[in-house]
C-alpha atoms as a PDB file:
ATOM      1  CA  MET A   1      79.255 -79.713 -77.539  1.00  0.00           C
ATOM      2  CA  THR A   2      81.365 -77.552 -75.035  1.00  0.00           C
ATOM      3  CA  VAL A   3      81.133 -77.954 -71.283  1.00  0.00           C
ATOM      4  CA  ALA A   4      79.449 -74.800 -71.124  1.00  0.00           C
ATOM      5  CA  GLN A   5      76.643 -75.873 -73.511  1.00  0.00           C
ATOM      6  CA  THR A   6      76.386 -79.436 -71.788  1.00  0.00           C
ATOM      7  CA  ASP A   7      76.147 -78.012 -68.154  1.00  0.00           C
ATOM      8  CA  LEU A   8      73.657 -75.194 -69.184  1.00  0.00           C
ATOM      9  CA  LYS A   9      70.915 -77.792 -69.855  1.00  0.00           C
ATOM     10  CA  ASP A  10      71.031 -78.763 -66.095  1.00  0.00           C
ATOM     11  CA  SER A  11      71.548 -75.532 -64.426  1.00  0.00           C
ATOM     12  CA  GLY A  12      68.969 -73.218 -66.095  1.00  0.00           C
ATOM     13  CA  LEU A  13      71.517 -70.508 -66.186  1.00  0.00           C
ATOM     14  CA  GLN A  14      71.553 -68.629 -69.674  1.00  0.00           C
ATOM     15  CA  MET A  15      75.170 -68.358 -70.894  1.00  0.00           C
ATOM     16  CA  THR A  16      76.759 -67.589 -74.095  1.00  0.00           C
ATOM     17  CA  ASN A  17      79.700 -69.789 -75.428  1.00  0.00           C
ATOM     18  CA  ALA A  18      82.067 -67.202 -76.608  1.00  0.00           C
ATOM     19  CA  GLY A  19      85.522 -68.912 -76.194  1.00  0.00           C
ATOM     20  CA  LEU A  20      88.515 -67.780 -78.021  1.00  0.00           C
ATOM     21  CA  GLN A  21      91.810 -69.162 -79.167  1.00  0.00           C
ATOM     22  CA  ALA A  22      94.453 -68.824 -76.521  1.00  0.00           C
ATOM     23  CA  SER A  23      97.334 -67.683 -78.604  1.00  0.00           C
ATOM     24  CA  THR A  24      98.102 -66.058 -81.892  1.00  0.00           C
ATOM     25  CA  SER A  25     101.028 -66.594 -84.462  1.00  0.00           C
ATOM     26  CA  THR A  26     103.698 -63.934 -84.712  1.00  0.00           C
ATOM     27  CA  THR A  27     107.023 -63.250 -85.890  1.00  0.00           C
ATOM     28  CA  ALA A  28     110.031 -62.300 -83.864  1.00  0.00           C
ATOM     29  CA  ILE A  29     113.820 -61.626 -84.372  1.00  0.00           C
ATOM     30  CA  ASP A  30     116.236 -63.869 -82.537  1.00  0.00           C
ATOM     31  CA  GLU A  31     119.606 -63.149 -81.317  1.00  0.00           C
ATOM     32  CA  TYR A  32     121.084 -63.613 -84.735  1.00  0.00           C
ATOM     33  CA  GLY A  33     118.849 -61.069 -86.270  1.00  0.00           C
ATOM     34  CA  GLN A  34     116.816 -63.703 -88.038  1.00  0.00           C
ATOM     35  CA  ALA A  35     113.149 -63.978 -88.126  1.00  0.00           C
ATOM     36  CA  ARG A  36     111.406 -66.776 -86.472  1.00  0.00           C
ATOM     37  CA  GLU A  37     107.726 -67.875 -86.485  1.00  0.00           C
ATOM     38  CA  GLY A  38     106.126 -68.487 -83.243  1.00  0.00           C
ATOM     39  CA  HIS A  39     103.032 -67.910 -80.801  1.00  0.00           C
ATOM     40  CA  ILE A  40     102.313 -65.444 -78.046  1.00  0.00           C
ATOM     41  CA  ALA A  41      99.499 -65.587 -75.553  1.00  0.00           C
ATOM     42  CA  ALA A  42      96.421 -63.723 -76.879  1.00  0.00           C
ATOM     43  CA  GLU A  43      95.523 -61.462 -73.752  1.00  0.00           C
ATOM     44  CA  ARG A  44      92.276 -59.516 -73.867  1.00  0.00           C
ATOM     45  CA  ALA A  45      90.549 -57.241 -71.712  1.00  0.00           C
ATOM     46  CA  LEU A  46      86.934 -58.243 -70.409  1.00  0.00           C
ATOM     47  CA  THR A  47      84.748 -55.656 -68.449  1.00  0.00           C
ATOM     48  CA  VAL A  48      82.262 -56.967 -66.167  1.00  0.00           C
ATOM     49  CA  TYR A  49      78.828 -55.444 -65.691  1.00  0.00           C
ATOM     50  CA  LEU A  50      76.746 -56.794 -62.667  1.00  0.00           C
ATOM     51  CA  ASP A  51      73.148 -55.584 -63.218  1.00  0.00           C
ATOM     52  CA  LYS A  52      74.224 -52.839 -65.519  1.00  0.00           C
ATOM     53  CA  LYS A  53      77.044 -51.536 -63.042  1.00  0.00           C
ATOM     54  CA  GLU A  54      80.459 -51.653 -64.142  1.00  0.00           C
ATOM     55  CA  ILE A  55      82.572 -53.553 -61.766  1.00  0.00           C
ATOM     56  CA  VAL A  56      86.053 -54.703 -62.888  1.00  0.00           C
ATOM     57  CA  THR A  57      88.089 -55.228 -65.779  1.00  0.00           C
ATOM     58  CA  LEU A  58      89.594 -58.696 -66.155  1.00  0.00           C
ATOM     59  CA  MET A  59      92.839 -59.410 -68.431  1.00  0.00           C
ATOM     60  CA  THR A  60      92.399 -62.951 -69.763  1.00  0.00           C
ATOM     61  CA  LEU A  61      93.179 -65.286 -72.613  1.00  0.00           C
ATOM     62  CA  GLY A  62      89.432 -65.544 -73.073  1.00  0.00           C
ATOM     63  CA  THR A  63      89.276 -69.302 -73.785  1.00  0.00           C
ATOM     64  CA  GLN A  64      86.358 -69.890 -71.044  1.00  0.00           C
ATOM     65  CA  PRO A  65      85.029 -66.404 -70.215  1.00  0.00           C
ATOM     66  CA  GLU A  66      81.674 -67.588 -69.002  1.00  0.00           C
ATOM     67  CA  LEU A  67      83.386 -69.884 -66.451  1.00  0.00           C
ATOM     68  CA  LEU A  68      85.805 -67.220 -65.562  1.00  0.00           C
ATOM     69  CA  VAL A  69      83.161 -64.600 -64.837  1.00  0.00           C
ATOM     70  CA  LEU A  70      80.973 -67.256 -62.817  1.00  0.00           C
ATOM     71  CA  GLY A  71      83.932 -68.165 -60.687  1.00  0.00           C
ATOM     72  CA  TRP A  72      85.175 -64.640 -60.221  1.00  0.00           C
ATOM     73  CA  LEU A  73      81.507 -64.041 -58.782  1.00  0.00           C
ATOM     74  CA  ARG A  74      81.916 -66.714 -56.372  1.00  0.00           C
ATOM     75  CA  ASN A  75      85.316 -66.261 -55.084  1.00  0.00           C
ATOM     76  CA  GLN A  76      84.446 -62.592 -54.676  1.00  0.00           C
ATOM     77  CA  ARG A  77      81.560 -63.503 -52.523  1.00  0.00           C
ATOM     78  CA  LEU A  78      79.341 -60.952 -54.486  1.00  0.00           C
ATOM     79  CA  VAL A  79      76.614 -63.485 -55.253  1.00  0.00           C
ATOM     80  CA  PRO A  80      75.913 -65.962 -52.546  1.00  0.00           C
ATOM     81  CA  ASP A  81      74.225 -68.614 -54.748  1.00  0.00           C
ATOM     82  CA  ILE A  82      74.427 -69.650 -58.356  1.00  0.00           C
ATOM     83  CA  SER A  83      70.481 -69.823 -58.347  1.00  0.00           C
ATOM     84  CA  HIS A  84      70.599 -65.926 -58.013  1.00  0.00           C
ATOM     85  CA  ILE A  85      72.195 -65.536 -61.404  1.00  0.00           C
ATOM     86  CA  LYS A  86      69.725 -65.438 -64.506  1.00  0.00           C
ATOM     87  CA  ALA A  87      72.543 -64.858 -67.190  1.00  0.00           C
ATOM     88  CA  ILE A  88      75.957 -64.258 -68.274  1.00  0.00           C
ATOM     89  CA  GLN A  89      76.505 -62.821 -71.746  1.00  0.00           C
ATOM     90  CA  ILE A  90      80.004 -62.501 -73.345  1.00  0.00           C
ATOM     91  CA  ASP A  91      80.379 -59.962 -76.194  1.00  0.00           C
ATOM     92  CA  TRP A  92      83.901 -59.611 -77.607  1.00  0.00           C
ATOM     93  CA  GLU A  93      83.116 -56.846 -80.015  1.00  0.00           C
ATOM     94  CA  THR A  94      82.349 -54.548 -76.927  1.00  0.00           C
ATOM     95  CA  GLU A  95      84.837 -56.640 -74.597  1.00  0.00           C
ATOM     96  CA  SER A  96      82.217 -56.936 -72.096  1.00  0.00           C
ATOM     97  CA  ALA A  97      80.720 -59.562 -69.855  1.00  0.00           C
ATOM     98  CA  VAL A  98      77.026 -58.703 -68.734  1.00  0.00           C
ATOM     99  CA  ILE A  99      75.741 -60.510 -65.737  1.00  0.00           C
ATOM    100  CA  THR A 100      72.032 -60.341 -64.759  1.00  0.00           C
ATOM    101  CA  THR A 101      70.532 -61.432 -61.426  1.00  0.00           C
ATOM    102  CA  TYR A 102      66.995 -62.101 -60.748  1.00  0.00           C
ATOM    103  CA  ASN A 103      66.796 -59.868 -57.747  1.00  0.00           C
ATOM    104  CA  GLY A 104      69.959 -57.695 -57.709  1.00  0.00           C
ATOM    105  CA  VAL A 105      72.753 -57.910 -55.195  1.00  0.00           C
ATOM    106  CA  LYS A 106      72.221 -56.805 -51.680  1.00  0.00           C
ATOM    107  CA  ASP A 107      74.682 -54.110 -50.306  1.00  0.00           C
ATOM    108  CA  LEU A 108      76.731 -54.190 -53.630  1.00  0.00           C
ATOM    109  CA  ASP A 109      78.015 -50.556 -53.109  1.00  0.00           C
ATOM    110  CA  ILE A 110      79.166 -51.475 -49.745  1.00  0.00           C
ATOM    111  CA  LYS A 111      80.884 -54.666 -50.865  1.00  0.00           C
ATOM    112  CA  LEU A 112      82.615 -52.736 -53.761  1.00  0.00           C
ATOM    113  CA  GLY A 113      83.914 -49.966 -51.278  1.00  0.00           C
ATOM    114  CA  ARG A 114      85.913 -52.621 -49.522  1.00  0.00           C
ATOM    115  CA  ARG A 115      88.900 -53.383 -51.634  1.00  0.00           C
ATOM    116  CA  THR A 116      92.164 -55.229 -51.225  1.00  0.00           C
ATOM    117  CA  VAL A 117      94.865 -55.029 -53.948  1.00  0.00           C
ATOM    118  CA  THR A 118      96.398 -58.233 -54.253  1.00  0.00           C
ATOM    119  CA  THR A 119      99.518 -59.865 -55.582  1.00  0.00           C
ATOM    120  CA  GLY A 120      97.834 -61.469 -58.403  1.00  0.00           C
ATOM    121  CA  CYS A 121      99.324 -61.159 -62.089  1.00  0.00           C
ATOM    122  CA  GLY A 122      98.334 -57.639 -63.242  1.00  0.00           C
ATOM    123  CA  GLN A 123      97.643 -56.556 -59.709  1.00  0.00           C
ATOM    124  CA  GLY A 124      94.375 -58.099 -58.652  1.00  0.00           C
ATOM    125  CA  THR A 125      91.611 -56.683 -56.517  1.00  0.00           C
ATOM    126  CA  VAL A 126      89.535 -58.633 -54.065  1.00  0.00           C
ATOM    127  CA  PHE A 127      86.208 -57.030 -53.065  1.00  0.00           C
ATOM    128  CA  GLY A 128      84.864 -57.158 -49.608  1.00  0.00           C
ATOM    129  CA  GLY A 129      86.828 -58.187 -46.346  1.00  0.00           C
ATOM    130  CA  LEU A 130      89.484 -60.553 -47.318  1.00  0.00           C
ATOM    131  CA  MET A 131      89.120 -62.444 -44.213  1.00  0.00           C
ATOM    132  CA  ASP A 132      85.369 -62.634 -44.246  1.00  0.00           C
ATOM    133  CA  ASP A 133      83.516 -65.850 -43.411  1.00  0.00           C
ATOM    134  CA  LEU A 134      86.937 -67.620 -42.989  1.00  0.00           C
ATOM    135  CA  ASP A 135      86.132 -68.877 -39.569  1.00  0.00           C
ATOM    136  CA  LYS A 136      82.936 -70.619 -41.190  1.00  0.00           C
ATOM    137  CA  VAL A 137      85.145 -72.652 -43.490  1.00  0.00           C
ATOM    138  CA  SER A 138      85.660 -76.248 -42.325  1.00  0.00           C
ATOM    139  CA  LEU A 139      87.999 -78.409 -44.259  1.00  0.00           C
ATOM    140  CA  PRO A 140      88.449 -82.082 -43.814  1.00  0.00           C
ATOM    141  CA  GLN A 141      91.763 -83.749 -43.149  1.00  0.00           C
ATOM    142  CA  VAL A 142      92.590 -85.585 -46.196  1.00  0.00           C
ATOM    143  CA  ARG A 143      95.604 -87.854 -46.527  1.00  0.00           C
ATOM    144  CA  THR A 144      97.741 -87.730 -49.658  1.00  0.00           C
ATOM    145  CA  ARG A 145     100.318 -90.246 -50.857  1.00  0.00           C
ATOM    146  CA  GLN A 146     103.779 -88.977 -52.050  1.00  0.00           C
ATOM    147  CA  SER A 147     103.402 -91.295 -55.127  1.00  0.00           C
ATOM    148  CA  THR A 148     100.098 -89.551 -56.030  1.00  0.00           C
ATOM    149  CA  ILE A 149     101.804 -86.108 -55.992  1.00  0.00           C
ATOM    150  CA  TYR A 150     104.644 -87.349 -58.456  1.00  0.00           C
ATOM    151  CA  ASN A 151     101.910 -89.136 -60.615  1.00  0.00           C
ATOM    152  CA  LEU A 152     100.058 -85.793 -60.892  1.00  0.00           C
ATOM    153  CA  LEU A 153     103.227 -83.841 -61.509  1.00  0.00           C
ATOM    154  CA  ASN A 154     103.805 -86.316 -64.377  1.00  0.00           C
ATOM    155  CA  THR A 155     100.487 -85.769 -65.666  1.00  0.00           C
ATOM    156  CA  LEU A 156     100.189 -82.025 -65.372  1.00  0.00           C
ATOM    157  CA  SER A 157     103.550 -81.499 -67.226  1.00  0.00           C
ATOM    158  CA  GLU A 158     101.844 -82.796 -70.369  1.00  0.00           C
ATOM    159  CA  HIS A 159      98.900 -80.172 -70.204  1.00  0.00           C
ATOM    160  CA  ASN A 160     100.735 -76.714 -70.129  1.00  0.00           C
ATOM    161  CA  GLU A 161      99.915 -76.478 -73.868  1.00  0.00           C
ATOM    162  CA  VAL A 162      99.480 -72.676 -74.018  1.00  0.00           C
ATOM    163  CA  TYR A 163     102.713 -72.223 -71.979  1.00  0.00           C
ATOM    164  CA  LYS A 164     104.936 -74.462 -74.169  1.00  0.00           C
ATOM    165  CA  ARG A 165     103.554 -72.957 -77.335  1.00  0.00           C
ATOM    166  CA  ALA A 166     103.608 -69.193 -76.240  1.00  0.00           C
ATOM    167  CA  GLY A 167     104.615 -68.747 -72.656  1.00  0.00           C
ATOM    168  CA  ALA A 168     103.258 -65.982 -70.448  1.00  0.00           C
ATOM    169  CA  VAL A 169     100.532 -67.896 -68.845  1.00  0.00           C
ATOM    170  CA  HIS A 170      99.697 -69.672 -65.574  1.00  0.00           C
ATOM    171  CA  GLY A 171      97.872 -73.017 -65.146  1.00  0.00           C
ATOM    172  CA  CYS A 172      95.595 -74.601 -62.597  1.00  0.00           C
ATOM    173  CA  ALA A 173      94.097 -77.879 -62.314  1.00  0.00           C
ATOM    174  CA  LEU A 174      91.365 -79.735 -60.245  1.00  0.00           C
ATOM    175  CA  CYS A 175      92.561 -83.201 -59.318  1.00  0.00           C
ATOM    176  CA  GLN A 176      91.186 -86.181 -57.535  1.00  0.00           C
ATOM    177  CA  ASP A 177      93.483 -88.949 -56.721  1.00  0.00           C
ATOM    178  CA  HIS A 178      95.699 -89.696 -59.546  1.00  0.00           C
ATOM    179  CA  GLN A 179      93.326 -87.880 -62.074  1.00  0.00           C
ATOM    180  CA  MET A 180      93.330 -84.454 -63.482  1.00  0.00           C
ATOM    181  CA  LEU A 181      89.612 -83.522 -63.714  1.00  0.00           C
ATOM    182  CA  HIS A 182      90.063 -80.082 -65.130  1.00  0.00           C
ATOM    183  CA  PHE A 183      92.911 -77.805 -66.370  1.00  0.00           C
ATOM    184  CA  VAL A 184      92.732 -74.133 -67.344  1.00  0.00           C
ATOM    185  CA  GLU A 185      95.651 -71.748 -68.376  1.00  0.00           C
ATOM    186  CA  ASP A 186      95.074 -68.032 -68.350  1.00  0.00           C
ATOM    187  CA  VAL A 187      97.299 -64.835 -68.342  1.00  0.00           C
ATOM    188  CA  GLY A 188      97.023 -64.703 -64.606  1.00  0.00           C
ATOM    189  CA  ARG A 189      96.820 -67.413 -61.964  1.00  0.00           C
ATOM    190  CA  HIS A 190      93.724 -66.066 -60.421  1.00  0.00           C
ATOM    191  CA  ASN A 191      91.691 -66.135 -63.604  1.00  0.00           C
ATOM    192  CA  ALA A 192      92.630 -69.694 -64.046  1.00  0.00           C
ATOM    193  CA  VAL A 193      91.450 -70.613 -60.431  1.00  0.00           C
ATOM    194  CA  ASP A 194      88.326 -68.491 -60.976  1.00  0.00           C
ATOM    195  CA  ALA A 195      87.383 -70.542 -64.257  1.00  0.00           C
ATOM    196  CA  ILE A 196      87.855 -73.798 -62.235  1.00  0.00           C
ATOM    197  CA  ALA A 197      85.680 -72.388 -59.382  1.00  0.00           C
ATOM    198  CA  GLY A 198      82.891 -71.275 -61.849  1.00  0.00           C
ATOM    199  CA  GLN A 199      82.788 -74.772 -63.285  1.00  0.00           C
ATOM    200  CA  MET A 200      82.601 -76.551 -59.821  1.00  0.00           C
ATOM    201  CA  TRP A 201      79.793 -74.034 -59.035  1.00  0.00           C
ATOM    202  CA  LEU A 202      77.992 -74.787 -62.194  1.00  0.00           C
ATOM    203  CA  ASN A 203      78.287 -78.586 -61.843  1.00  0.00           C
ATOM    204  CA  ASN A 204      77.830 -78.528 -58.007  1.00  0.00           C
ATOM    205  CA  THR A 205      81.208 -80.206 -57.575  1.00  0.00           C
ATOM    206  CA  HIS A 206      82.315 -80.557 -54.031  1.00  0.00           C
ATOM    207  CA  GLY A 207      86.019 -79.972 -53.347  1.00  0.00           C
ATOM    208  CA  HIS A 208      86.366 -82.190 -50.007  1.00  0.00           C
ATOM    209  CA  ASP A 209      87.875 -84.950 -51.908  1.00  0.00           C
ATOM    210  CA  LYS A 210      89.962 -82.929 -54.459  1.00  0.00           C
ATOM    211  CA  LEU A 211      93.480 -81.289 -54.774  1.00  0.00           C
ATOM    212  CA  PHE A 212      94.285 -78.223 -56.499  1.00  0.00           C
ATOM    213  CA  TYR A 213      97.489 -77.417 -58.512  1.00  0.00           C
ATOM    214  CA  THR A 214      98.686 -74.092 -59.681  1.00  0.00           C
ATOM    215  CA  THR A 215     101.955 -72.980 -61.412  1.00  0.00           C
ATOM    216  CA  GLY A 216     101.715 -69.708 -59.382  1.00  0.00           C
ATOM    217  CA  ARG A 217     102.959 -68.710 -55.929  1.00  0.00           C
ATOM    218  CA  LEU A 218     100.801 -69.532 -53.035  1.00  0.00           C
ATOM    219  CA  THR A 219      99.773 -66.359 -51.499  1.00  0.00           C
ATOM    220  CA  SER A 220      97.028 -65.319 -48.787  1.00  0.00           C
ATOM    221  CA  GLU A 221      94.322 -64.791 -51.567  1.00  0.00           C
ATOM    222  CA  MET A 222      95.459 -68.104 -53.397  1.00  0.00           C
ATOM    223  CA  VAL A 223      94.723 -70.156 -49.990  1.00  0.00           C
ATOM    224  CA  ILE A 224      91.510 -68.262 -49.258  1.00  0.00           C
ATOM    225  CA  LYS A 225      90.094 -68.960 -52.840  1.00  0.00           C
ATOM    226  CA  VAL A 226      90.801 -72.786 -52.563  1.00  0.00           C
ATOM    227  CA  ALA A 227      89.365 -72.841 -49.032  1.00  0.00           C
ATOM    228  CA  GLN A 228      86.286 -71.133 -50.286  1.00  0.00           C
ATOM    229  CA  MET A 229      86.036 -73.985 -53.059  1.00  0.00           C
ATOM    230  CA  GLY A 230      86.200 -76.550 -50.152  1.00  0.00           C
ATOM    231  CA  ILE A 231      89.719 -78.059 -51.329  1.00  0.00           C
ATOM    232  CA  PRO A 232      91.958 -79.296 -48.594  1.00  0.00           C
ATOM    233  CA  VAL A 233      95.310 -79.828 -50.547  1.00  0.00           C
ATOM    234  CA  LEU A 234      97.031 -77.056 -52.505  1.00  0.00           C
ATOM    235  CA  LEU A 235     100.060 -77.924 -54.666  1.00  0.00           C
ATOM    236  CA  SER A 236     102.279 -75.681 -56.553  1.00  0.00           C
ATOM    237  CA  ARG A 237     105.516 -75.605 -58.564  1.00  0.00           C
ATOM    238  CA  SER A 238     106.180 -72.148 -57.166  1.00  0.00           C
ATOM    239  CA  GLY A 239     106.903 -70.723 -53.479  1.00  0.00           C
ATOM    240  CA  VAL A 240     104.890 -69.689 -50.698  1.00  0.00           C
ATOM    241  CA  THR A 241     104.385 -66.251 -48.864  1.00  0.00           C
ATOM    242  CA  GLU A 242     104.403 -65.949 -45.103  1.00  0.00           C
ATOM    243  CA  MET A 243     100.805 -64.966 -44.935  1.00  0.00           C
ATOM    244  CA  GLY A 244      99.922 -67.714 -47.431  1.00  0.00           C
ATOM    245  CA  ARG A 245     101.344 -70.267 -44.959  1.00  0.00           C
ATOM    246  CA  THR A 246      99.857 -68.548 -41.879  1.00  0.00           C
ATOM    247  CA  LEU A 247      96.301 -68.641 -43.481  1.00  0.00           C
ATOM    248  CA  ALA A 248      97.034 -72.487 -44.512  1.00  0.00           C
ATOM    249  CA  GLU A 249      97.617 -73.298 -40.772  1.00  0.00           C
ATOM    250  CA  LYS A 250      94.544 -71.226 -39.554  1.00  0.00           C
ATOM    251  CA  ILE A 251      92.119 -72.817 -41.999  1.00  0.00           C
ATOM    252  CA  GLY A 252      93.527 -76.240 -42.478  1.00  0.00           C
ATOM    253  CA  VAL A 253      94.825 -76.224 -45.939  1.00  0.00           C
ATOM    254  CA  THR A 254      97.782 -78.688 -46.611  1.00  0.00           C
ATOM    255  CA  LEU A 255     100.309 -76.641 -48.276  1.00  0.00           C
ATOM    256  CA  ILE A 256     103.013 -78.106 -50.897  1.00  0.00           C
ATOM    257  CA  ALA A 257     105.191 -75.943 -52.810  1.00  0.00           C
ATOM    258  CA  ARG A 258     108.432 -75.947 -55.032  1.00  0.00           C
ATOM    259  CA  ALA A 259     106.883 -79.166 -56.500  1.00  0.00           C
ATOM    260  CA  LYS A 260     108.744 -80.302 -59.589  1.00  0.00           C
ATOM    261  CA  GLY A 261     110.105 -83.629 -60.410  1.00  0.00           C
ATOM    262  CA  ARG A 262     110.984 -85.624 -57.445  1.00  0.00           C
ATOM    263  CA  HIS A 263     111.155 -82.497 -55.049  1.00  0.00           C
ATOM    264  CA  PHE A 264     108.558 -80.807 -53.139  1.00  0.00           C
ATOM    265  CA  LEU A 265     108.506 -78.699 -49.765  1.00  0.00           C
ATOM    266  CA  ILE A 266     105.440 -79.147 -47.352  1.00  0.00           C
ATOM    267  CA  TYR A 267     104.755 -75.873 -45.428  1.00  0.00           C
ATOM    268  CA  HIS A 268     101.773 -77.097 -43.634  1.00  0.00           C
ATOM    269  CA  GLY A 269     100.106 -80.535 -43.341  1.00  0.00           C
ATOM    270  CA  ASP A 270     103.230 -82.643 -43.409  1.00  0.00           C
ATOM    271  CA  ASP A 271     101.225 -85.091 -40.940  1.00  0.00           C
ATOM    272  CA  GLN A 272      98.695 -85.645 -43.752  1.00  0.00           C
ATOM    273  CA  ILE A 273     101.237 -87.002 -46.061  1.00  0.00           C
ATOM    274  CA  ASP A 274     102.032 -90.667 -46.595  1.00  0.00           C
ATOM    275  CA  PHE A 275     105.675 -90.878 -47.600  1.00  0.00           C
ATOM    276  CA  ASP A 276     105.258 -93.976 -49.654  1.00  0.00           C
ATOM    277  CA  ALA A 277     107.857 -93.117 -52.407  1.00  0.00           C
ATOM    278  CA  ILE A 278     110.925 -91.344 -50.937  1.00  0.00           C
ATOM    279  CA  PRO A 279     113.464 -90.950 -53.383  1.00  0.00           C
ATOM    280  CA  ASP A 280     117.073 -91.735 -52.892  1.00  0.00           C
ATOM    281  CA  ARG A 281     119.833 -89.025 -53.418  1.00  0.00           C
ATOM    282  CA  GLN A 282     119.903 -89.650 -57.009  1.00  0.00           C
ATOM    283  CA  GLY A 283     116.260 -88.914 -57.322  1.00  0.00           C
ATOM    284  CA  LYS A 284     115.047 -92.467 -57.635  1.00  0.00           C
ATOM    285  CA  PRO A 285     112.052 -93.614 -55.426  1.00  0.00           C
ATOM    286  CA  ARG A 286     112.720 -96.258 -52.816  1.00  0.00           C
ATOM    287  CA  GLN A 287     110.717 -98.516 -50.723  1.00  0.00           C
ATOM    288  CA  HIS A 288     109.706 -97.324 -47.296  1.00  0.00           C
ATOM    289  CA  SER A 289     108.562 -99.187 -44.330  1.00  0.00           C
ATOM    290  CA  GLU A 290     104.867 -99.391 -43.433  1.00  0.00           C
ATOM    291  CA  GLN A 291     105.686 -97.594 -40.163  1.00  0.00           C
ATOM    292  CA  GLN A 292     107.202 -94.610 -42.014  1.00  0.00           C
ATOM    293  CA  ARG A 293     104.257 -94.653 -44.681  1.00  0.00           C
ATOM    294  CA  ALA A 294     101.741 -94.163 -41.792  1.00  0.00           C
ATOM    295  CA  ARG A 295     103.502 -91.101 -40.474  1.00  0.00           C
END
């Protein structure tokens, strides 16, 4: 039984279960002129209709389309509460995601009229004011151990299945302490974020004690989405933009980037990190004093 079907029993939300395979087999010619069998990411178009109104087309692997659409609605702030949604129906023959609400969406045309073109893969769009409601976001201060970061990086390196097989995708993960709770890969990092946001919304999962990992860069919209999900710590193997850092400082998101192996850079929130596994110059962790750990 899939996650969508299990969650459906408790939520009352009607959803299809239309996930597809993430990659497809293909043949390519290598530098020697020889044919090689392999896999490529299976990118698909999915057009979203909200109460019969065409909203946007998402490019996706299509592995968890219902959760993707649900999280997209949440992060776009188009639907204020999951209880307002009656059904999400995915139809791959028509490449459509049909969302039905109980009473419609208030001021939908006004919200759709305010668009911000983002730096997301495939050039994303955020509807509504990009900075709307940020002053209402209240994130807890959560201490994170350096050893926890290293353990998570080791765990996460084993779960980039589509990337290892086919490339051309980003991965995101919801983590708690040393555990990875949920991992999603998609052609764009924002799709992966939205799919996790959809699962959290469906399960009423709180983010205050979670860490969010992404393979993509930490831009302003990435910081905003994680803050809206109530998650105080954001970790990436990629870099940071200036606006991403500025918003992290404003909202209170601990921002850790360039995280790979034993290396990482903290761009905000270093006072929330317990340095309990500082490596020596050869990359091996060494013991640290209690005074330095409590920094």
